[in-house]
Amino acid sequence: MKKLQQKINYQFKDVSLLKLALTHRSTGKNNNERLEFLGDSILGLVI
């Protein structure tokens, strides 16, 4: 995760959220599906 943060020049306060955001739903319980839904809902409100 450190290399990714360096590459995008951003340090996450909570690295576990970054890991969650990058985890596909096919891996099991802890995945990005809830974050995807939240992001889609926010975009729907903004657009």
C-alpha atoms as a PDB file:
ATOM      1  CA  MET A   1       0.000   0.000   0.000  1.00  0.00           C
ATOM      2  CA  LYS A   2       2.920   2.347   0.629  1.00  0.00           C
ATOM      3  CA  LYS A   3       4.046   2.165  -2.997  1.00  0.00           C
ATOM      4  CA  LEU A   4       0.543   2.989  -4.210  1.00  0.00           C
ATOM      5  CA  GLN A   5       0.303   5.935  -1.832  1.00  0.00           C
ATOM      6  CA  GLN A   6       3.681   7.201  -3.028  1.00  0.00           C
ATOM      7  CA  LYS A   7       2.676   6.789  -6.666  1.00  0.00           C
ATOM      8  CA  ILE A   8      -0.532   8.806  -6.253  1.00  0.00           C
ATOM      9  CA  ASN A   9       1.206  11.238  -3.876  1.00  0.00           C
ATOM     10  CA  TYR A  10      -1.436  10.845  -1.168  1.00  0.00           C
ATOM     11  CA  GLN A  11      -1.216   9.380   2.328  1.00  0.00           C
ATOM     12  CA  PHE A  12      -4.396   7.769   3.628  1.00  0.00           C
ATOM     13  CA  LYS A  13      -5.180   8.298   7.304  1.00  0.00           C
ATOM     14  CA  ASP A  14      -6.887   4.907   7.432  1.00  0.00           C
ATOM     15  CA  VAL A  15      -5.063   2.438   5.182  1.00  0.00           C
ATOM     16  CA  SER A  16      -7.698  -0.215   5.909  1.00  0.00           C
ATOM     17  CA  LEU A  17     -10.200   1.830   3.874  1.00  0.00           C
ATOM     18  CA  LEU A  18      -7.793   1.835   0.942  1.00  0.00           C
ATOM     19  CA  LYS A  19      -7.442  -1.944   1.201  1.00  0.00           C
ATOM     20  CA  LEU A  20     -11.215  -2.306   1.396  1.00  0.00           C
ATOM     21  CA  ALA A  21     -11.735  -0.056  -1.634  1.00  0.00           C
ATOM     22  CA  LEU A  22      -9.357  -2.204  -3.679  1.00  0.00           C
ATOM     23  CA  THR A  23     -10.831  -5.563  -2.624  1.00  0.00           C
ATOM     24  CA  HIS A  24     -13.191  -7.173  -5.145  1.00  0.00           C
ATOM     25  CA  ARG A  25     -16.423  -8.766  -3.914  1.00  0.00           C
ATOM     26  CA  SER A  26     -15.314 -12.186  -5.144  1.00  0.00           C
ATOM     27  CA  THR A  27     -12.798 -12.376  -2.270  1.00  0.00           C
ATOM     28  CA  GLY A  28     -15.448 -12.836   0.420  1.00  0.00           C
ATOM     29  CA  LYS A  29     -17.167 -10.802   3.112  1.00  0.00           C
ATOM     30  CA  ASN A  30     -14.896  -7.755   3.384  1.00  0.00           C
ATOM     31  CA  ASN A  31     -15.051  -6.120  -0.027  1.00  0.00           C
ATOM     32  CA  ASN A  32     -15.711  -2.819  -1.782  1.00  0.00           C
ATOM     33  CA  GLU A  33     -19.401  -3.401  -2.573  1.00  0.00           C
ATOM     34  CA  ARG A  34     -20.696  -1.056   0.172  1.00  0.00           C
ATOM     35  CA  LEU A  35     -18.197   1.643  -0.797  1.00  0.00           C
ATOM     36  CA  GLU A  36     -19.186   1.248  -4.453  1.00  0.00           C
ATOM     37  CA  PHE A  37     -22.861   1.680  -3.569  1.00  0.00           C
ATOM     38  CA  LEU A  38     -22.084   4.752  -1.443  1.00  0.00           C
ATOM     39  CA  GLY A  39     -19.997   6.312  -4.207  1.00  0.00           C
ATOM     40  CA  ASP A  40     -22.679   5.671  -6.824  1.00  0.00           C
ATOM     41  CA  SER A  41     -25.320   7.234  -4.559  1.00  0.00           C
ATOM     42  CA  ILE A  42     -23.219  10.337  -3.957  1.00  0.00           C
ATOM     43  CA  LEU A  43     -22.534  10.718  -7.674  1.00  0.00           C
ATOM     44  CA  GLY A  44     -26.261  10.373  -8.353  1.00  0.00           C
ATOM     45  CA  LEU A  45     -26.972  13.251  -5.975  1.00  0.00           C
ATOM     46  CA  VAL A  46     -24.269  15.477  -7.442  1.00  0.00           C
ATOM     47  CA  ILE A  47     -25.020  14.879 -11.114  1.00  0.00           C
END
